[in-house]
Amino acid sequence: VVYDQVCDAYERIFKKLELNCFKVPADSGLMGGSLNHEFLAVSPVGEDTLLVCP
């Protein structure tokens, strides 16, 4: 429940800032856990590639 609330808070912040962001599954790395996401912002620069299907 808390995880969903935190994700919702981030999504509201991005919406207020008018950032085009996507929540995508992510590797937990050293943190561990079974449910992990990261938010990717659409940008012409950066190290990740985001493919979006309409």
PDB file of N, CA and C in Angstrom:
ATOM      1  N   VAL A   1       0.832  -1.197   0.000  1.00  0.00           N
ATOM      2  CA  VAL A   1       0.000   0.000   0.000  1.00  0.00           C
ATOM      3  C   VAL A   1       0.871   1.253   0.000  1.00  0.00           C
ATOM      4  N   VAL A   2       1.888   1.290   0.858  1.00  0.00           N
ATOM      5  CA  VAL A   2       2.759   2.467   0.924  1.00  0.00           C
ATOM      6  C   VAL A   2       3.501   2.666  -0.398  1.00  0.00           C
ATOM      7  N   TYR A   3       3.950   1.571  -0.994  1.00  0.00           N
ATOM      8  CA  TYR A   3       4.666   1.658  -2.270  1.00  0.00           C
ATOM      9  C   TYR A   3       3.785   2.334  -3.318  1.00  0.00           C
ATOM     10  N   ASP A   4       2.529   1.923  -3.394  1.00  0.00           N
ATOM     11  CA  ASP A   4       1.599   2.526  -4.356  1.00  0.00           C
ATOM     12  C   ASP A   4       1.371   4.003  -4.059  1.00  0.00           C
ATOM     13  N   GLN A   5       1.305   4.376  -2.790  1.00  0.00           N
ATOM     14  CA  GLN A   5       1.109   5.778  -2.413  1.00  0.00           C
ATOM     15  C   GLN A   5       2.305   6.628  -2.826  1.00  0.00           C
ATOM     16  N   VAL A   6       3.504   6.085  -2.648  1.00  0.00           N
ATOM     17  CA  VAL A   6       4.714   6.812  -3.046  1.00  0.00           C
ATOM     18  C   VAL A   6       4.746   6.981  -4.566  1.00  0.00           C
ATOM     19  N   CYS A   7       4.441   5.920  -5.293  1.00  0.00           N
ATOM     20  CA  CYS A   7       4.400   6.010  -6.759  1.00  0.00           C
ATOM     21  C   CYS A   7       3.363   7.032  -7.212  1.00  0.00           C
ATOM     22  N   ASP A   8       2.198   7.023  -6.593  1.00  0.00           N
ATOM     23  CA  ASP A   8       1.150   7.992  -6.933  1.00  0.00           C
ATOM     24  C   ASP A   8       1.617   9.419  -6.667  1.00  0.00           C
ATOM     25  N   ALA A   9       2.339   9.629  -5.567  1.00  0.00           N
ATOM     26  CA  ALA A   9       2.851  10.963  -5.239  1.00  0.00           C
ATOM     27  C   ALA A   9       3.827  11.437  -6.316  1.00  0.00           C
ATOM     28  N   TYR A  10       4.733  10.556  -6.733  1.00  0.00           N
ATOM     29  CA  TYR A  10       5.664  10.910  -7.805  1.00  0.00           C
ATOM     30  C   TYR A  10       4.906  11.256  -9.080  1.00  0.00           C
ATOM     31  N   GLU A  11       3.909  10.470  -9.429  1.00  0.00           N
ATOM     32  CA  GLU A  11       3.146  10.731 -10.650  1.00  0.00           C
ATOM     33  C   GLU A  11       2.428  12.077 -10.587  1.00  0.00           C
ATOM     34  N   ARG A  12       1.914  12.441  -9.419  1.00  0.00           N
ATOM     35  CA  ARG A  12       1.261  13.754  -9.263  1.00  0.00           C
ATOM     36  C   ARG A  12       2.272  14.891  -9.420  1.00  0.00           C
ATOM     37  N   ILE A  13       3.465  14.706  -8.856  1.00  0.00           N
ATOM     38  CA  ILE A  13       4.512  15.724  -8.979  1.00  0.00           C
ATOM     39  C   ILE A  13       4.895  15.910 -10.443  1.00  0.00           C
ATOM     40  N   PHE A  14       5.128  14.808 -11.151  1.00  0.00           N
ATOM     41  CA  PHE A  14       5.502  14.903 -12.561  1.00  0.00           C
ATOM     42  C   PHE A  14       4.400  15.569 -13.374  1.00  0.00           C
ATOM     43  N   LYS A  15       3.158  15.269 -13.052  1.00  0.00           N
ATOM     44  CA  LYS A  15       2.033  15.880 -13.772  1.00  0.00           C
ATOM     45  C   LYS A  15       1.992  17.387 -13.525  1.00  0.00           C
ATOM     46  N   LYS A  16       2.189  17.806 -12.254  1.00  0.00           N
ATOM     47  CA  LYS A  16       2.201  19.238 -11.937  1.00  0.00           C
ATOM     48  C   LYS A  16       3.323  19.961 -12.664  1.00  0.00           C
ATOM     49  N   LEU A  17       4.457  19.287 -12.801  1.00  0.00           N
ATOM     50  CA  LEU A  17       5.603  19.880 -13.485  1.00  0.00           C
ATOM     51  C   LEU A  17       5.512  19.730 -15.002  1.00  0.00           C
ATOM     52  N   GLU A  18       4.430  19.095 -15.466  1.00  0.00           N
ATOM     53  CA  GLU A  18       4.195  18.855 -16.888  1.00  0.00           C
ATOM     54  C   GLU A  18       5.343  18.085 -17.538  1.00  0.00           C
ATOM     55  N   LEU A  19       5.864  17.087 -16.794  1.00  0.00           N
ATOM     56  CA  LEU A  19       6.901  16.210 -17.325  1.00  0.00           C
ATOM     57  C   LEU A  19       6.251  14.956 -17.884  1.00  0.00           C
ATOM     58  N   ASN A  20       6.670  14.560 -19.056  1.00  0.00           N
ATOM     59  CA  ASN A  20       6.157  13.349 -19.679  1.00  0.00           C
ATOM     60  C   ASN A  20       6.989  12.176 -19.167  1.00  0.00           C
ATOM     61  N   CYS A  21       6.500  11.492 -18.132  1.00  0.00           N
ATOM     62  CA  CYS A  21       7.242  10.407 -17.486  1.00  0.00           C
ATOM     63  C   CYS A  21       6.483   9.094 -17.578  1.00  0.00           C
ATOM     64  N   PHE A  22       7.253   8.020 -17.577  1.00  0.00           N
ATOM     65  CA  PHE A  22       6.693   6.674 -17.607  1.00  0.00           C
ATOM     66  C   PHE A  22       7.235   5.876 -16.430  1.00  0.00           C
ATOM     67  N   LYS A  23       6.363   5.142 -15.761  1.00  0.00           N
ATOM     68  CA  LYS A  23       6.783   4.232 -14.690  1.00  0.00           C
ATOM     69  C   LYS A  23       7.038   2.876 -15.334  1.00  0.00           C
ATOM     70  N   VAL A  24       8.275   2.383 -15.198  1.00  0.00           N
ATOM     71  CA  VAL A  24       8.643   1.117 -15.835  1.00  0.00           C
ATOM     72  C   VAL A  24       9.249   0.170 -14.802  1.00  0.00           C
ATOM     73  N   PRO A  25       9.097  -1.137 -15.010  1.00  0.00           N
ATOM     74  CA  PRO A  25       9.716  -2.104 -14.099  1.00  0.00           C
ATOM     75  C   PRO A  25      11.232  -1.904 -14.073  1.00  0.00           C
ATOM     76  N   ALA A  26      11.828  -2.108 -12.902  1.00  0.00           N
ATOM     77  CA  ALA A  26      13.266  -1.891 -12.751  1.00  0.00           C
ATOM     78  C   ALA A  26      13.896  -2.995 -11.920  1.00  0.00           C
ATOM     79  N   ASP A  27      15.190  -3.165 -12.107  1.00  0.00           N
ATOM     80  CA  ASP A  27      15.960  -4.114 -11.311  1.00  0.00           C
ATOM     81  C   ASP A  27      16.162  -3.531  -9.916  1.00  0.00           C
ATOM     82  N   SER A  28      16.021  -4.353  -8.894  1.00  0.00           N
ATOM     83  CA  SER A  28      16.155  -3.866  -7.522  1.00  0.00           C
ATOM     84  C   SER A  28      17.602  -3.634  -7.124  1.00  0.00           C
ATOM     85  N   GLY A  29      18.533  -4.258  -7.815  1.00  0.00           N
ATOM     86  CA  GLY A  29      19.944  -4.075  -7.489  1.00  0.00           C
ATOM     87  C   GLY A  29      20.239  -4.488  -6.060  1.00  0.00           C
ATOM     88  N   LEU A  30      21.055  -3.718  -5.366  1.00  0.00           N
ATOM     89  CA  LEU A  30      21.446  -4.029  -3.993  1.00  0.00           C
ATOM     90  C   LEU A  30      20.314  -3.827  -2.994  1.00  0.00           C
ATOM     91  N   MET A  31      19.305  -3.029  -3.360  1.00  0.00           N
ATOM     92  CA  MET A  31      18.183  -2.776  -2.446  1.00  0.00           C
ATOM     93  C   MET A  31      17.392  -4.039  -2.150  1.00  0.00           C
ATOM     94  N   GLY A  32      17.255  -4.876  -3.153  1.00  0.00           N
ATOM     95  CA  GLY A  32      16.453  -6.080  -2.992  1.00  0.00           C
ATOM     96  C   GLY A  32      14.977  -5.781  -3.155  1.00  0.00           C
ATOM     97  N   GLY A  33      14.170  -6.763  -2.881  1.00  0.00           N
ATOM     98  CA  GLY A  33      12.730  -6.598  -3.020  1.00  0.00           C
ATOM     99  C   GLY A  33      12.236  -7.196  -4.320  1.00  0.00           C
ATOM    100  N   SER A  34      10.934  -7.372  -4.390  1.00  0.00           N
ATOM    101  CA  SER A  34      10.360  -8.014  -5.569  1.00  0.00           C
ATOM    102  C   SER A  34       9.563  -7.049  -6.444  1.00  0.00           C
ATOM    103  N   LEU A  35       9.242  -5.877  -5.936  1.00  0.00           N
ATOM    104  CA  LEU A  35       8.460  -4.897  -6.691  1.00  0.00           C
ATOM    105  C   LEU A  35       9.270  -3.614  -6.801  1.00  0.00           C
ATOM    106  N   ASN A  36       9.752  -3.313  -8.001  1.00  0.00           N
ATOM    107  CA  ASN A  36      10.599  -2.144  -8.209  1.00  0.00           C
ATOM    108  C   ASN A  36      10.256  -1.479  -9.529  1.00  0.00           C
ATOM    109  N   HIS A  37      10.247  -0.165  -9.508  1.00  0.00           N
ATOM    110  CA  HIS A  37      10.002   0.619 -10.709  1.00  0.00           C
ATOM    111  C   HIS A  37      10.965   1.798 -10.735  1.00  0.00           C
ATOM    112  N   GLU A  38      11.119   2.360 -11.910  1.00  0.00           N
ATOM    113  CA  GLU A  38      11.800   3.636 -12.039  1.00  0.00           C
ATOM    114  C   GLU A  38      10.958   4.500 -12.958  1.00  0.00           C
ATOM    115  N   PHE A  39      11.124   5.798 -12.826  1.00  0.00           N
ATOM    116  CA  PHE A  39      10.395   6.736 -13.668  1.00  0.00           C
ATOM    117  C   PHE A  39      11.358   7.271 -14.716  1.00  0.00           C
ATOM    118  N   LEU A  40      10.954   7.175 -15.971  1.00  0.00           N
ATOM    119  CA  LEU A  40      11.758   7.683 -17.073  1.00  0.00           C
ATOM    120  C   LEU A  40      11.060   8.895 -17.671  1.00  0.00           C
ATOM    121  N   ALA A  41      11.817   9.976 -17.817  1.00  0.00           N
ATOM    122  CA  ALA A  41      11.290  11.194 -18.427  1.00  0.00           C
ATOM    123  C   ALA A  41      11.723  11.234 -19.887  1.00  0.00           C
ATOM    124  N   VAL A  42      10.813  11.610 -20.754  1.00  0.00           N
ATOM    125  CA  VAL A  42      11.130  11.744 -22.171  1.00  0.00           C
ATOM    126  C   VAL A  42      12.087  12.922 -22.329  1.00  0.00           C
ATOM    127  N   SER A  43      13.240  12.645 -22.945  1.00  0.00           N
ATOM    128  CA  SER A  43      14.273  13.665 -23.088  1.00  0.00           C
ATOM    129  C   SER A  43      15.165  13.315 -24.275  1.00  0.00           C
ATOM    130  N   PRO A  44      15.677  14.324 -24.976  1.00  0.00           N
ATOM    131  CA  PRO A  44      16.579  14.042 -26.096  1.00  0.00           C
ATOM    132  C   PRO A  44      17.973  13.607 -25.637  1.00  0.00           C
ATOM    133  N   VAL A  45      18.278  13.733 -24.352  1.00  0.00           N
ATOM    134  CA  VAL A  45      19.583  13.323 -23.819  1.00  0.00           C
ATOM    135  C   VAL A  45      19.380  12.309 -22.701  1.00  0.00           C
ATOM    136  N   GLY A  46      20.414  11.548 -22.404  1.00  0.00           N
ATOM    137  CA  GLY A  46      20.335  10.578 -21.317  1.00  0.00           C
ATOM    138  C   GLY A  46      20.954   9.260 -21.723  1.00  0.00           C
ATOM    139  N   GLU A  47      20.993   8.332 -20.777  1.00  0.00           N
ATOM    140  CA  GLU A  47      21.670   7.062 -21.034  1.00  0.00           C
ATOM    141  C   GLU A  47      20.724   5.914 -21.347  1.00  0.00           C
ATOM    142  N   ASP A  48      19.429   6.088 -21.144  1.00  0.00           N
ATOM    143  CA  ASP A  48      18.457   5.025 -21.390  1.00  0.00           C
ATOM    144  C   ASP A  48      17.699   5.281 -22.687  1.00  0.00           C
ATOM    145  N   THR A  49      17.209   4.212 -23.275  1.00  0.00           N
ATOM    146  CA  THR A  49      16.358   4.305 -24.455  1.00  0.00           C
ATOM    147  C   THR A  49      14.962   3.845 -24.062  1.00  0.00           C
ATOM    148  N   LEU A  50      13.978   4.656 -24.350  1.00  0.00           N
ATOM    149  CA  LEU A  50      12.588   4.353 -24.016  1.00  0.00           C
ATOM    150  C   LEU A  50      11.806   4.164 -25.310  1.00  0.00           C
ATOM    151  N   LEU A  51      11.241   2.980 -25.473  1.00  0.00           N
ATOM    152  CA  LEU A  51      10.390   2.709 -26.631  1.00  0.00           C
ATOM    153  C   LEU A  51       8.946   2.676 -26.161  1.00  0.00           C
ATOM    154  N   VAL A  52       8.087   3.442 -26.817  1.00  0.00           N
ATOM    155  CA  VAL A  52       6.683   3.537 -26.422  1.00  0.00           C
ATOM    156  C   VAL A  52       5.815   3.106 -27.595  1.00  0.00           C
ATOM    157  N   CYS A  53       4.918   2.186 -27.343  1.00  0.00           N
ATOM    158  CA  CYS A  53       3.960   1.751 -28.364  1.00  0.00           C
ATOM    159  C   CYS A  53       2.641   2.484 -28.145  1.00  0.00           C
ATOM    160  N   PRO A  54       2.063   3.015 -29.212  1.00  0.00           N
ATOM    161  CA  PRO A  54       0.789   3.739 -29.047  1.00  0.00           C
ATOM    162  C   PRO A  54      -0.352   2.828 -28.651  1.00  0.00           C
TER     163      PRO A  54
END
